[in-house]
Amino acid sequence: MSASQYLVDDLRRTRELLGLTQEAWGDRIHFSAKHVGAVERGERPALPDYLAAVDSAFGTAFVKFYRMFVKRELVPVWYRPFIEHEGRASLLRVFHPLVVPGILQTEAYARAVLTGRRCQADSVDAMLATRLGRQEILHCRPNPCQLVAVVDEGVLHRQVGDADVMREQLTALMAACDHPNVRVQVVPFEAGAYVGLDGPLAIATVDGRSVGFLEGHLEGRVVESPDATKDLEGAWEAIRDYALPSNQSLDLIRRTVEKWM
């Protein structure tokens, strides 16, 4: 049995041991009975916000179990070192020319991305929980991670899922920028050819040093040597030079949402 399945089963067992219906359980943790049922049926992942609410209400330790076992469950071996760095980062800089970066994806958009990659159906929910769970670093207190995300304008127009999925995702991008620790910028089509066309990258600042990650078709590569990270930071700054300022980027995203109405 996978760690994610064990977590779901244990959530249900705990509710039943307490003699609570899904509706009563939901009232205690401030989630709808529909949400509770979807989690217990495996139709939506048990994410840290849900687990934290359960822990707070019932004195359990589901968040700890999630972080120790579920979060790494389906993360490829070659990606795990960067995930560890990302989880401790004070600053995260990400760029993607094709899709919304995972740390800003909505549940529906992320599911569409994973399905499009032809992931096995029985592993999608666990992978989804892992991906969405990474977002907790943006909301932890008192020191949430600072995020600067840059995307190519093509990301706003490439349909992932249906129109509803795209509208929700772009709206979520705008909402994310309401948080003082999150900034999203867009490289417009008018930029033409630029260094970002070489592919996505991420740079995490951990304890004053930079650690990078480069994606590949078969596997990614963690970049840790000072010379290599310096070059990667140079590439990042070159990409930023082509990006619109934050306010203009938000205006562009807002206008593009209308395309998906």
Protein backbone atom coordinates (compact mmCIF):
# COMPACT_ATOMS: atom_id res chain seq x y z
CA MET A 1 0.00 0.00 0.00
CA SER A 2 1.30 3.45 -0.91
CA ALA A 3 1.85 6.12 1.73
CA SER A 4 -0.83 8.33 0.18
CA GLN A 5 -3.39 5.52 0.25
CA TYR A 6 -2.47 4.70 3.86
CA LEU A 7 -2.98 8.37 4.75
CA VAL A 8 -6.45 8.44 3.19
CA ASP A 9 -7.43 5.18 4.89
CA ASP A 10 -6.17 6.44 8.25
CA LEU A 11 -8.13 9.66 7.91
CA ARG A 12 -11.29 7.65 7.35
CA ARG A 13 -10.46 5.24 10.22
CA THR A 14 -9.89 8.17 12.57
CA ARG A 15 -13.23 9.74 11.65
CA GLU A 16 -15.06 6.43 12.15
CA LEU A 17 -13.34 5.74 15.49
CA LEU A 18 -14.56 9.12 16.69
CA GLY A 19 -18.08 8.21 15.59
CA LEU A 20 -18.40 11.21 13.28
CA THR A 21 -20.24 11.40 9.99
CA GLN A 22 -18.50 13.10 7.08
CA GLU A 23 -20.70 16.12 7.67
CA ALA A 24 -19.86 16.30 11.39
CA TRP A 25 -16.17 15.80 10.65
CA GLY A 26 -16.32 18.56 8.06
CA ASP A 27 -18.01 20.92 10.52
CA ARG A 28 -15.18 20.37 13.01
CA ILE A 29 -12.42 21.09 10.49
CA HIS A 30 -14.33 23.73 8.49
CA PHE A 31 -14.42 21.77 5.23
CA SER A 32 -17.57 20.69 3.42
CA ALA A 33 -18.87 17.14 3.68
CA LYS A 34 -18.45 16.97 -0.09
CA HIS A 35 -14.75 17.77 0.27
CA VAL A 36 -14.35 15.20 3.05
CA GLY A 37 -16.03 12.53 0.94
CA ALA A 38 -13.89 13.33 -2.09
CA VAL A 39 -10.71 12.97 -0.01
CA GLU A 40 -11.83 9.65 1.48
CA ARG A 41 -12.78 8.28 -1.96
CA GLY A 42 -9.44 9.35 -3.41
CA GLU A 43 -11.10 11.79 -5.79
CA ARG A 44 -9.02 14.69 -4.54
CA PRO A 45 -5.69 14.71 -2.68
CA ALA A 46 -5.36 15.21 1.06
CA LEU A 47 -3.32 18.42 1.07
CA PRO A 48 -1.48 20.12 3.95
CA ASP A 49 -4.24 22.69 4.60
CA TYR A 50 -6.80 19.90 5.05
CA LEU A 51 -4.44 17.80 7.17
CA ALA A 52 -3.49 20.79 9.33
CA ALA A 53 -7.17 21.44 10.02
CA VAL A 54 -7.61 17.81 11.09
CA ASP A 55 -4.53 17.96 13.33
CA SER A 56 -5.76 21.18 14.93
CA ALA A 57 -9.23 19.79 15.60
CA PHE A 58 -8.30 16.31 16.81
CA GLY A 59 -4.67 16.46 17.98
CA THR A 60 -3.45 14.08 15.27
CA ALA A 61 -0.16 14.21 13.34
CA PHE A 62 -1.23 13.81 9.74
CA VAL A 63 0.85 16.76 8.48
CA LYS A 64 3.99 15.16 9.92
CA PHE A 65 3.17 11.87 8.20
CA TYR A 66 2.53 13.71 4.94
CA ARG A 67 5.88 15.51 5.07
CA MET A 68 7.84 12.41 6.05
CA PHE A 69 6.30 9.89 3.66
CA VAL A 70 3.73 11.16 1.15
CA LYS A 71 5.57 14.25 -0.09
CA ARG A 72 8.46 12.21 -1.46
CA GLU A 73 6.44 9.18 -2.50
CA LEU A 74 6.39 9.62 -6.27
CA VAL A 75 9.11 12.22 -6.62
CA PRO A 76 11.82 10.84 -8.94
CA VAL A 77 15.12 10.08 -7.19
CA TRP A 78 16.92 12.69 -9.26
CA TYR A 79 14.41 15.40 -8.22
CA ARG A 80 14.37 14.69 -4.48
CA PRO A 81 17.49 16.71 -3.59
CA PHE A 82 16.00 19.85 -5.14
CA ILE A 83 12.64 19.28 -3.45
CA GLU A 84 14.49 19.22 -0.13
CA HIS A 85 16.22 22.51 -0.97
CA GLU A 86 12.95 24.05 -2.18
CA GLY A 87 11.27 23.16 1.10
CA ARG A 88 13.85 25.22 3.02
CA ALA A 89 14.26 28.06 0.54
CA SER A 90 13.91 31.69 1.56
CA LEU A 91 13.71 32.71 -2.12
CA LEU A 92 12.58 30.67 -5.11
CA ARG A 93 13.04 31.88 -8.68
CA VAL A 94 11.34 29.84 -11.41
CA PHE A 95 10.87 30.16 -15.15
CA HIS A 96 8.81 28.04 -17.51
CA PRO A 97 8.20 28.66 -21.22
CA LEU A 98 5.46 26.03 -21.68
CA VAL A 99 3.24 25.62 -18.60
CA VAL A 100 2.46 27.36 -15.34
CA PRO A 101 5.20 26.39 -12.84
CA GLY A 102 4.08 23.52 -10.59
CA ILE A 103 4.27 25.60 -7.42
CA LEU A 104 1.53 27.89 -8.81
CA GLN A 105 -0.70 25.28 -10.48
CA THR A 106 -4.31 24.78 -9.48
CA GLU A 107 -5.52 21.26 -8.74
CA ALA A 108 -7.43 20.97 -12.04
CA TYR A 109 -4.57 22.38 -14.12
CA ALA A 110 -2.02 20.12 -12.42
CA ARG A 111 -4.23 17.08 -13.01
CA ALA A 112 -4.51 17.98 -16.70
CA VAL A 113 -0.72 18.37 -16.96
CA LEU A 114 -0.07 15.01 -15.30
CA THR A 115 -2.72 13.29 -17.40
CA GLY A 116 -1.20 14.81 -20.54
CA ARG A 117 2.12 13.26 -19.59
CA ARG A 118 0.38 9.86 -19.67
CA CYS A 119 1.12 9.11 -16.05
CA GLN A 120 -0.45 5.91 -14.79
CA ALA A 121 -3.99 6.58 -13.62
CA ASP A 122 -3.44 4.97 -10.22
CA SER A 123 -0.48 7.26 -9.48
CA VAL A 124 -1.93 10.61 -10.58
CA ASP A 125 -3.61 11.41 -7.25
CA ALA A 126 -0.43 10.77 -5.26
CA MET A 127 1.64 12.82 -7.71
CA LEU A 128 -0.98 15.56 -7.54
CA ALA A 129 -0.81 15.63 -3.73
CA THR A 130 2.97 15.89 -3.89
CA ARG A 131 2.89 18.71 -6.41
CA LEU A 132 0.21 20.78 -4.69
CA GLY A 133 1.73 20.13 -1.28
CA ARG A 134 4.87 21.96 -2.35
CA GLN A 135 2.84 25.17 -2.30
CA GLU A 136 2.75 25.22 1.49
CA ILE A 137 6.15 26.98 1.57
CA LEU A 138 4.41 30.08 0.18
CA HIS A 139 1.95 30.25 3.07
CA CYS A 140 3.89 29.07 6.12
CA ARG A 141 4.31 31.56 8.94
CA PRO A 142 6.10 33.61 10.06
CA ASN A 143 8.52 33.54 7.12
CA PRO A 144 6.95 32.31 3.88
CA CYS A 145 9.23 31.70 0.93
CA GLN A 146 9.59 34.60 -1.50
CA LEU A 147 8.63 33.50 -5.01
CA VAL A 148 9.41 35.19 -8.30
CA ALA A 149 7.90 33.30 -11.23
CA VAL A 150 8.36 34.17 -14.89
CA VAL A 151 6.38 32.52 -17.69
CA ASP A 152 6.29 32.95 -21.42
CA GLU A 153 3.12 34.54 -22.80
CA GLY A 154 2.45 31.30 -24.66
CA VAL A 155 1.66 29.69 -21.30
CA LEU A 156 -1.40 31.93 -21.01
CA HIS A 157 -2.73 30.75 -24.37
CA ARG A 158 -1.80 27.06 -24.40
CA GLN A 159 -4.95 25.16 -23.45
CA VAL A 160 -4.33 22.73 -20.62
CA GLY A 161 -7.59 21.02 -19.74
CA ASP A 162 -10.69 22.91 -20.87
CA ALA A 163 -11.56 26.60 -20.86
CA ASP A 164 -12.80 26.43 -17.27
CA VAL A 165 -9.46 25.00 -16.15
CA MET A 166 -7.56 27.76 -17.93
CA ARG A 167 -9.79 30.51 -16.57
CA GLU A 168 -9.41 29.18 -13.03
CA GLN A 169 -5.64 28.86 -13.42
CA LEU A 170 -5.06 32.36 -14.76
CA THR A 171 -7.36 33.82 -12.11
CA ALA A 172 -5.34 31.93 -9.49
CA LEU A 173 -2.13 33.42 -10.88
CA MET A 174 -3.54 36.90 -10.37
CA ALA A 175 -4.77 36.02 -6.88
CA ALA A 176 -1.34 34.67 -5.94
CA CYS A 177 0.13 38.09 -6.62
CA ASP A 178 -2.07 39.54 -3.88
CA HIS A 179 0.38 37.95 -1.45
CA PRO A 180 3.38 40.19 -0.75
CA ASN A 181 5.81 37.28 -1.13
CA VAL A 182 4.69 36.28 -4.65
CA ARG A 183 5.49 38.00 -7.93
CA VAL A 184 4.57 36.78 -11.42
CA GLN A 185 5.98 38.25 -14.62
CA VAL A 186 5.34 37.44 -18.26
CA VAL A 187 7.72 37.50 -21.23
CA PRO A 188 5.55 38.85 -24.10
CA PHE A 189 5.48 37.40 -27.60
CA GLU A 190 7.14 40.59 -28.83
CA ALA A 191 10.36 39.55 -27.07
CA GLY A 192 11.14 37.23 -29.97
CA ALA A 193 14.05 34.85 -29.41
CA TYR A 194 15.55 34.92 -25.91
CA VAL A 195 17.57 32.68 -23.64
CA GLY A 196 14.45 31.30 -21.93
CA LEU A 197 13.63 29.30 -25.05
CA ASP A 198 16.37 26.89 -23.96
CA GLY A 199 13.99 25.52 -21.33
CA PRO A 200 12.66 25.86 -17.78
CA LEU A 201 14.82 26.50 -14.74
CA ALA A 202 14.51 27.02 -11.01
CA ILE A 203 16.85 28.53 -8.43
CA ALA A 204 16.34 28.10 -4.69
CA THR A 205 18.19 30.27 -2.18
CA VAL A 206 18.90 28.19 0.92
CA ASP A 207 20.97 29.45 3.84
CA GLY A 208 22.50 32.16 1.67
CA ARG A 209 23.56 29.92 -1.23
CA SER A 210 21.88 29.13 -4.55
CA VAL A 211 20.86 25.70 -5.79
CA GLY A 212 19.50 25.31 -9.30
CA PHE A 213 17.44 22.78 -11.20
CA LEU A 214 17.20 22.18 -14.94
CA GLU A 215 14.43 20.02 -16.39
CA GLY A 216 14.98 17.42 -19.09
CA HIS A 217 12.85 14.99 -21.09
CA LEU A 218 14.13 11.93 -19.22
CA GLU A 219 15.33 13.44 -15.96
CA GLY A 220 16.37 16.75 -14.44
CA ARG A 221 19.67 17.96 -13.08
CA VAL A 222 20.43 19.64 -9.76
CA VAL A 223 23.02 22.41 -10.08
CA GLU A 224 25.04 23.15 -6.96
CA SER A 225 28.58 24.18 -7.87
CA PRO A 226 29.19 27.93 -7.40
CA ASP A 227 30.35 28.46 -10.99
CA ALA A 228 27.35 26.65 -12.47
CA THR A 229 24.81 28.40 -10.25
CA LYS A 230 26.41 31.74 -11.12
CA ASP A 231 25.88 30.98 -14.82
CA LEU A 232 22.31 29.89 -14.11
CA GLU A 233 21.61 33.11 -12.25
CA GLY A 234 22.99 35.00 -15.25
CA ALA A 235 20.51 33.16 -17.48
CA TRP A 236 17.71 34.00 -15.04
CA GLU A 237 18.55 37.70 -15.10
CA ALA A 238 18.70 37.65 -18.90
CA ILE A 239 15.18 36.17 -18.95
CA ARG A 240 13.95 38.77 -16.46
CA ASP A 241 15.25 41.50 -18.77
CA TYR A 242 12.69 40.43 -21.36
CA ALA A 243 9.78 40.14 -18.92
CA LEU A 244 7.16 42.82 -18.45
CA PRO A 245 7.05 44.57 -15.05
CA SER A 246 4.70 43.00 -12.52
CA ASN A 247 1.81 45.43 -13.05
CA GLN A 248 1.94 45.10 -16.84
CA SER A 249 2.21 41.33 -16.52
CA LEU A 250 -0.94 41.25 -14.38
CA ASP A 251 -2.76 43.39 -16.93
CA LEU A 252 -1.76 40.96 -19.67
CA ILE A 253 -2.94 37.97 -17.63
CA ARG A 254 -6.22 39.75 -16.86
CA ARG A 255 -6.83 40.46 -20.54
CA THR A 256 -6.04 36.88 -21.49
CA VAL A 257 -8.56 35.53 -18.95
CA GLU A 258 -11.27 37.03 -21.17
CA LYS A 259 -10.19 34.66 -23.96
CA TRP A 260 -11.19 31.75 -21.74
CA MET A 261 -14.62 33.10 -20.76
